[in-house]
Amino acid sequence: MRIVMLLAVLAIIGMTLVQWLGHKPPPPVVTSETANTAIPPSVPARPGDLKKFEKDINRFMQDSARQHLEKAP
């Protein structure tokens, strides 16, 4: 009798865990305020392209900050 009760409890716990771990969280809501339309520059593969990448990433950050300030009330 104890074994039957133990198996029943384990089955209930197992089914609960499967349901709990099986659910995926809903996708995050993207609003117009959080949407970023700018595409970041690609990372260079050669060391010689590092200076150009540095300029591009700085420009990208400044443009993103400017867009964020324009959208803020």
PDB file of N, CA and C in Angstrom:
ATOM      1  N   MET A   1       0.824  -1.194   0.000  1.00  0.00           N
ATOM      2  CA  MET A   1       0.000   0.000   0.000  1.00  0.00           C
ATOM      3  C   MET A   1       0.867   1.257   0.000  1.00  0.00           C
ATOM      4  N   ARG A   2       1.960   1.214   0.743  1.00  0.00           N
ATOM      5  CA  ARG A   2       2.846   2.376   0.782  1.00  0.00           C
ATOM      6  C   ARG A   2       3.479   2.619  -0.585  1.00  0.00           C
ATOM      7  N   ILE A   3       3.810   1.546  -1.248  1.00  0.00           N
ATOM      8  CA  ILE A   3       4.437   1.681  -2.570  1.00  0.00           C
ATOM      9  C   ILE A   3       3.454   2.301  -3.561  1.00  0.00           C
ATOM     10  N   VAL A   4       2.194   1.913  -3.487  1.00  0.00           N
ATOM     11  CA  VAL A   4       1.175   2.472  -4.377  1.00  0.00           C
ATOM     12  C   VAL A   4       1.016   3.966  -4.117  1.00  0.00           C
ATOM     13  N   MET A   5       0.973   4.369  -2.869  1.00  0.00           N
ATOM     14  CA  MET A   5       0.860   5.790  -2.526  1.00  0.00           C
ATOM     15  C   MET A   5       2.089   6.563  -2.987  1.00  0.00           C
ATOM     16  N   LEU A   6       3.262   5.974  -2.792  1.00  0.00           N
ATOM     17  CA  LEU A   6       4.496   6.617  -3.217  1.00  0.00           C
ATOM     18  C   LEU A   6       4.519   6.803  -4.732  1.00  0.00           C
ATOM     19  N   LEU A   7       4.103   5.784  -5.470  1.00  0.00           N
ATOM     20  CA  LEU A   7       4.049   5.893  -6.930  1.00  0.00           C
ATOM     21  C   LEU A   7       3.031   6.943  -7.377  1.00  0.00           C
ATOM     22  N   ALA A   8       1.899   7.030  -6.697  1.00  0.00           N
ATOM     23  CA  ALA A   8       0.886   8.026  -7.046  1.00  0.00           C
ATOM     24  C   ALA A   8       1.413   9.440  -6.796  1.00  0.00           C
ATOM     25  N   VAL A   9       2.069   9.650  -5.670  1.00  0.00           N
ATOM     26  CA  VAL A   9       2.631  10.968  -5.356  1.00  0.00           C
ATOM     27  C   VAL A   9       3.725  11.330  -6.354  1.00  0.00           C
ATOM     28  N   LEU A  10       4.582  10.383  -6.681  1.00  0.00           N
ATOM     29  CA  LEU A  10       5.637  10.648  -7.663  1.00  0.00           C
ATOM     30  C   LEU A  10       5.057  10.954  -9.043  1.00  0.00           C
ATOM     31  N   ALA A  11       3.979  10.276  -9.412  1.00  0.00           N
ATOM     32  CA  ALA A  11       3.344  10.542 -10.701  1.00  0.00           C
ATOM     33  C   ALA A  11       2.759  11.953 -10.734  1.00  0.00           C
ATOM     34  N   ILE A  12       2.117  12.354  -9.652  1.00  0.00           N
ATOM     35  CA  ILE A  12       1.542  13.705  -9.584  1.00  0.00           C
ATOM     36  C   ILE A  12       2.642  14.755  -9.628  1.00  0.00           C
ATOM     37  N   ILE A  13       3.704  14.544  -8.874  1.00  0.00           N
ATOM     38  CA  ILE A  13       4.825  15.495  -8.886  1.00  0.00           C
ATOM     39  C   ILE A  13       5.464  15.542 -10.270  1.00  0.00           C
ATOM     40  N   GLY A  14       5.628  14.397 -10.896  1.00  0.00           N
ATOM     41  CA  GLY A  14       6.216  14.350 -12.236  1.00  0.00           C
ATOM     42  C   GLY A  14       5.370  15.080 -13.261  1.00  0.00           C
ATOM     43  N   MET A  15       4.058  14.872 -13.227  1.00  0.00           N
ATOM     44  CA  MET A  15       3.185  15.565 -14.181  1.00  0.00           C
ATOM     45  C   MET A  15       3.195  17.068 -13.939  1.00  0.00           C
ATOM     46  N   THR A  16       3.233  17.470 -12.684  1.00  0.00           N
ATOM     47  CA  THR A  16       3.293  18.899 -12.366  1.00  0.00           C
ATOM     48  C   THR A  16       4.585  19.520 -12.881  1.00  0.00           C
ATOM     49  N   LEU A  17       5.700  18.827 -12.698  1.00  0.00           N
ATOM     50  CA  LEU A  17       6.975  19.351 -13.189  1.00  0.00           C
ATOM     51  C   LEU A  17       7.012  19.436 -14.705  1.00  0.00           C
ATOM     52  N   VAL A  18       6.446  18.445 -15.380  1.00  0.00           N
ATOM     53  CA  VAL A  18       6.422  18.465 -16.845  1.00  0.00           C
ATOM     54  C   VAL A  18       5.617  19.659 -17.340  1.00  0.00           C
ATOM     55  N   GLN A  19       4.469  19.911 -16.724  1.00  0.00           N
ATOM     56  CA  GLN A  19       3.659  21.056 -17.136  1.00  0.00           C
ATOM     57  C   GLN A  19       4.351  22.370 -16.811  1.00  0.00           C
ATOM     58  N   TRP A  20       4.967  22.447 -15.655  1.00  0.00           N
ATOM     59  CA  TRP A  20       5.614  23.690 -15.219  1.00  0.00           C
ATOM     60  C   TRP A  20       6.828  24.008 -16.078  1.00  0.00           C
ATOM     61  N   LEU A  21       7.636  23.001 -16.377  1.00  0.00           N
ATOM     62  CA  LEU A  21       8.843  23.234 -17.165  1.00  0.00           C
ATOM     63  C   LEU A  21       8.564  23.258 -18.662  1.00  0.00           C
ATOM     64  N   GLY A  22       7.426  22.759 -19.076  1.00  0.00           N
ATOM     65  CA  GLY A  22       7.107  22.705 -20.494  1.00  0.00           C
ATOM     66  C   GLY A  22       6.598  24.020 -21.054  1.00  0.00           C
ATOM     67  N   HIS A  23       6.083  24.896 -20.199  1.00  0.00           N
ATOM     68  CA  HIS A  23       5.553  26.173 -20.684  1.00  0.00           C
ATOM     69  C   HIS A  23       6.693  27.132 -20.987  1.00  0.00           C
ATOM     70  N   LYS A  24       6.609  27.758 -22.143  1.00  0.00           N
ATOM     71  CA  LYS A  24       7.599  28.767 -22.510  1.00  0.00           C
ATOM     72  C   LYS A  24       7.027  30.143 -22.161  1.00  0.00           C
ATOM     73  N   PRO A  25       7.877  31.066 -21.762  1.00  0.00           N
ATOM     74  CA  PRO A  25       7.375  32.404 -21.435  1.00  0.00           C
ATOM     75  C   PRO A  25       6.888  33.109 -22.701  1.00  0.00           C
ATOM     76  N   PRO A  26       5.934  33.995 -22.560  1.00  0.00           N
ATOM     77  CA  PRO A  26       5.453  34.719 -23.733  1.00  0.00           C
ATOM     78  C   PRO A  26       6.553  35.619 -24.287  1.00  0.00           C
ATOM     79  N   PRO A  27       6.529  35.859 -25.594  1.00  0.00           N
ATOM     80  CA  PRO A  27       7.563  36.725 -26.167  1.00  0.00           C
ATOM     81  C   PRO A  27       7.417  38.147 -25.640  1.00  0.00           C
ATOM     82  N   PRO A  28       8.517  38.854 -25.482  1.00  0.00           N
ATOM     83  CA  PRO A  28       8.438  40.223 -24.970  1.00  0.00           C
ATOM     84  C   PRO A  28       7.749  41.141 -25.978  1.00  0.00           C
ATOM     85  N   VAL A  29       7.029  42.087 -25.442  1.00  0.00           N
ATOM     86  CA  VAL A  29       6.310  43.036 -26.278  1.00  0.00           C
ATOM     87  C   VAL A  29       7.281  44.119 -26.728  1.00  0.00           C
ATOM     88  N   VAL A  30       7.340  44.336 -28.036  1.00  0.00           N
ATOM     89  CA  VAL A  30       8.219  45.364 -28.587  1.00  0.00           C
ATOM     90  C   VAL A  30       7.355  46.567 -28.923  1.00  0.00           C
ATOM     91  N   THR A  31       7.588  47.655 -28.222  1.00  0.00           N
ATOM     92  CA  THR A  31       6.847  48.878 -28.490  1.00  0.00           C
ATOM     93  C   THR A  31       7.669  49.771 -29.403  1.00  0.00           C
ATOM     94  N   SER A  32       7.061  50.822 -29.857  1.00  0.00           N
ATOM     95  CA  SER A  32       7.783  51.745 -30.731  1.00  0.00           C
ATOM     96  C   SER A  32       8.897  52.462 -29.980  1.00  0.00           C
ATOM     97  N   GLU A  33       8.757  52.560 -28.654  1.00  0.00           N
ATOM     98  CA  GLU A  33       9.793  53.221 -27.862  1.00  0.00           C
ATOM     99  C   GLU A  33      11.035  52.353 -27.722  1.00  0.00           C
ATOM    100  N   THR A  34      10.842  51.040 -27.631  1.00  0.00           N
ATOM    101  CA  THR A  34      11.979  50.148 -27.431  1.00  0.00           C
ATOM    102  C   THR A  34      12.515  49.582 -28.733  1.00  0.00           C
ATOM    103  N   ALA A  35      11.806  49.766 -29.826  1.00  0.00           N
ATOM    104  CA  ALA A  35      12.268  49.233 -31.105  1.00  0.00           C
ATOM    105  C   ALA A  35      13.444  50.061 -31.612  1.00  0.00           C
ATOM    106  N   ASN A  36      14.475  49.379 -32.022  1.00  0.00           N
ATOM    107  CA  ASN A  36      15.658  50.043 -32.550  1.00  0.00           C
ATOM    108  C   ASN A  36      15.746  49.708 -34.028  1.00  0.00           C
ATOM    109  N   THR A  37      15.622  50.727 -34.870  1.00  0.00           N
ATOM    110  CA  THR A  37      15.630  50.482 -36.304  1.00  0.00           C
ATOM    111  C   THR A  37      17.034  50.511 -36.882  1.00  0.00           C
ATOM    112  N   ALA A  38      17.990  51.030 -36.146  1.00  0.00           N
ATOM    113  CA  ALA A  38      19.360  51.106 -36.643  1.00  0.00           C
ATOM    114  C   ALA A  38      20.029  49.741 -36.549  1.00  0.00           C
ATOM    115  N   ILE A  39      20.820  49.419 -37.553  1.00  0.00           N
ATOM    116  CA  ILE A  39      21.541  48.149 -37.579  1.00  0.00           C
ATOM    117  C   ILE A  39      22.971  48.413 -37.143  1.00  0.00           C
ATOM    118  N   PRO A  40      23.451  47.707 -36.126  1.00  0.00           N
ATOM    119  CA  PRO A  40      24.824  47.947 -35.659  1.00  0.00           C
ATOM    120  C   PRO A  40      25.844  47.492 -36.695  1.00  0.00           C
ATOM    121  N   PRO A  41      27.012  48.105 -36.706  1.00  0.00           N
ATOM    122  CA  PRO A  41      28.041  47.708 -37.670  1.00  0.00           C
ATOM    123  C   PRO A  41      28.566  46.314 -37.357  1.00  0.00           C
ATOM    124  N   SER A  42      28.979  45.617 -38.401  1.00  0.00           N
ATOM    125  CA  SER A  42      29.496  44.262 -38.202  1.00  0.00           C
ATOM    126  C   SER A  42      30.912  44.317 -37.635  1.00  0.00           C
ATOM    127  N   VAL A  43      31.247  43.305 -36.868  1.00  0.00           N
ATOM    128  CA  VAL A  43      32.561  43.225 -36.229  1.00  0.00           C
ATOM    129  C   VAL A  43      33.589  42.842 -37.288  1.00  0.00           C
ATOM    130  N   PRO A  44      34.726  43.542 -37.326  1.00  0.00           N
ATOM    131  CA  PRO A  44      35.721  43.250 -38.364  1.00  0.00           C
ATOM    132  C   PRO A  44      36.422  41.915 -38.127  1.00  0.00           C
ATOM    133  N   ALA A  45      36.808  41.287 -39.228  1.00  0.00           N
ATOM    134  CA  ALA A  45      37.531  40.016 -39.145  1.00  0.00           C
ATOM    135  C   ALA A  45      39.033  40.233 -39.214  1.00  0.00           C
ATOM    136  N   ARG A  46      39.449  41.361 -39.766  1.00  0.00           N
ATOM    137  CA  ARG A  46      40.883  41.652 -39.897  1.00  0.00           C
ATOM    138  C   ARG A  46      41.267  42.783 -38.949  1.00  0.00           C
ATOM    139  N   PRO A  47      42.448  42.718 -38.382  1.00  0.00           N
ATOM    140  CA  PRO A  47      42.893  43.781 -37.466  1.00  0.00           C
ATOM    141  C   PRO A  47      42.998  45.147 -38.138  1.00  0.00           C
ATOM    142  N   GLY A  48      43.216  45.182 -39.430  1.00  0.00           N
ATOM    143  CA  GLY A  48      43.344  46.457 -40.128  1.00  0.00           C
ATOM    144  C   GLY A  48      42.043  47.236 -40.198  1.00  0.00           C
ATOM    145  N   ASP A  49      40.918  46.541 -40.062  1.00  0.00           N
ATOM    146  CA  ASP A  49      39.612  47.200 -40.141  1.00  0.00           C
ATOM    147  C   ASP A  49      39.137  47.731 -38.795  1.00  0.00           C
ATOM    148  N   LEU A  50      39.974  47.640 -37.783  1.00  0.00           N
ATOM    149  CA  LEU A  50      39.562  48.017 -36.433  1.00  0.00           C
ATOM    150  C   LEU A  50      39.292  49.516 -36.301  1.00  0.00           C
ATOM    151  N   LYS A  51      40.091  50.352 -36.942  1.00  0.00           N
ATOM    152  CA  LYS A  51      39.885  51.811 -36.853  1.00  0.00           C
ATOM    153  C   LYS A  51      38.548  52.204 -37.469  1.00  0.00           C
ATOM    154  N   LYS A  52      38.220  51.613 -38.629  1.00  0.00           N
ATOM    155  CA  LYS A  52      36.944  51.917 -39.275  1.00  0.00           C
ATOM    156  C   LYS A  52      35.787  51.445 -38.394  1.00  0.00           C
ATOM    157  N   PHE A  53      35.951  50.274 -37.785  1.00  0.00           N
ATOM    158  CA  PHE A  53      34.911  49.758 -36.898  1.00  0.00           C
ATOM    159  C   PHE A  53      34.718  50.673 -35.695  1.00  0.00           C
ATOM    160  N   GLU A  54      35.809  51.186 -35.160  1.00  0.00           N
ATOM    161  CA  GLU A  54      35.719  52.084 -34.009  1.00  0.00           C
ATOM    162  C   GLU A  54      34.914  53.332 -34.364  1.00  0.00           C
ATOM    163  N   LYS A  55      35.168  53.891 -35.539  1.00  0.00           N
ATOM    164  CA  LYS A  55      34.409  55.071 -35.968  1.00  0.00           C
ATOM    165  C   LYS A  55      32.940  54.719 -36.184  1.00  0.00           C
ATOM    166  N   ASP A  56      32.696  53.553 -36.812  1.00  0.00           N
ATOM    167  CA  ASP A  56      31.318  53.144 -37.079  1.00  0.00           C
ATOM    168  C   ASP A  56      30.534  52.896 -35.795  1.00  0.00           C
ATOM    169  N   ILE A  57      31.160  52.240 -34.828  1.00  0.00           N
ATOM    170  CA  ILE A  57      30.439  51.933 -33.587  1.00  0.00           C
ATOM    171  C   ILE A  57      30.196  53.203 -32.777  1.00  0.00           C
ATOM    172  N   ASN A  58      31.124  54.141 -32.810  1.00  0.00           N
ATOM    173  CA  ASN A  58      30.904  55.420 -32.121  1.00  0.00           C
ATOM    174  C   ASN A  58      29.755  56.186 -32.765  1.00  0.00           C
ATOM    175  N   ARG A  59      29.711  56.197 -34.092  1.00  0.00           N
ATOM    176  CA  ARG A  59      28.622  56.867 -34.799  1.00  0.00           C
ATOM    177  C   ARG A  59      27.293  56.181 -34.483  1.00  0.00           C
ATOM    178  N   PHE A  60      27.295  54.859 -34.450  1.00  0.00           N
ATOM    179  CA  PHE A  60      26.082  54.104 -34.132  1.00  0.00           C
ATOM    180  C   PHE A  60      25.574  54.446 -32.732  1.00  0.00           C
ATOM    181  N   MET A  61      26.472  54.503 -31.758  1.00  0.00           N
ATOM    182  CA  MET A  61      26.061  54.825 -30.386  1.00  0.00           C
ATOM    183  C   MET A  61      25.529  56.248 -30.287  1.00  0.00           C
ATOM    184  N   GLN A  62      26.162  57.182 -30.968  1.00  0.00           N
ATOM    185  CA  GLN A  62      25.697  58.567 -30.919  1.00  0.00           C
ATOM    186  C   GLN A  62      24.340  58.709 -31.599  1.00  0.00           C
ATOM    187  N   ASP A  63      24.158  58.036 -32.731  1.00  0.00           N
ATOM    188  CA  ASP A  63      22.869  58.093 -33.412  1.00  0.00           C
ATOM    189  C   ASP A  63      21.763  57.468 -32.563  1.00  0.00           C
ATOM    190  N   SER A  64      22.074  56.355 -31.918  1.00  0.00           N
ATOM    191  CA  SER A  64      21.080  55.697 -31.062  1.00  0.00           C
ATOM    192  C   SER A  64      20.723  56.579 -29.877  1.00  0.00           C
ATOM    193  N   ALA A  65      21.709  57.224 -29.284  1.00  0.00           N
ATOM    194  CA  ALA A  65      21.444  58.120 -28.156  1.00  0.00           C
ATOM    195  C   ALA A  65      20.610  59.313 -28.609  1.00  0.00           C
ATOM    196  N   ARG A  66      20.907  59.830 -29.776  1.00  0.00           N
ATOM    197  CA  ARG A  66      20.144  60.965 -30.304  1.00  0.00           C
ATOM    198  C   ARG A  66      18.690  60.548 -30.552  1.00  0.00           C
ATOM    199  N   GLN A  67      18.477  59.369 -31.139  1.00  0.00           N
ATOM    200  CA  GLN A  67      17.115  58.893 -31.373  1.00  0.00           C
ATOM    201  C   GLN A  67      16.372  58.697 -30.059  1.00  0.00           C
ATOM    202  N   HIS A  68      17.065  58.181 -29.062  1.00  0.00           N
ATOM    203  CA  HIS A  68      16.438  57.960 -27.763  1.00  0.00           C
ATOM    204  C   HIS A  68      16.026  59.286 -27.130  1.00  0.00           C
ATOM    205  N   LEU A  69      16.877  60.295 -27.244  1.00  0.00           N
ATOM    206  CA  LEU A  69      16.548  61.606 -26.678  1.00  0.00           C
ATOM    207  C   LEU A  69      15.395  62.262 -27.422  1.00  0.00           C
ATOM    208  N   GLU A  70      15.314  62.051 -28.731  1.00  0.00           N
ATOM    209  CA  GLU A  70      14.224  62.640 -29.501  1.00  0.00           C
ATOM    210  C   GLU A  70      12.885  62.001 -29.151  1.00  0.00           C
ATOM    211  N   LYS A  71      12.897  60.716 -28.813  1.00  0.00           N
ATOM    212  CA  LYS A  71      11.656  60.027 -28.475  1.00  0.00           C
ATOM    213  C   LYS A  71      11.220  60.302 -27.044  1.00  0.00           C
ATOM    214  N   ALA A  72      12.160  60.683 -26.183  1.00  0.00           N
ATOM    215  CA  ALA A  72      11.828  60.943 -24.779  1.00  0.00           C
ATOM    216  C   ALA A  72      11.014  62.230 -24.679  1.00  0.00           C
ATOM    217  N   PRO A  73      10.016  62.251 -23.780  1.00  0.00           N
ATOM    218  CA  PRO A  73       9.191  63.474 -23.643  1.00  0.00           C
ATOM    219  C   PRO A  73       9.930  64.590 -22.961  1.00  0.00           C
TER     220      PRO A  73
END
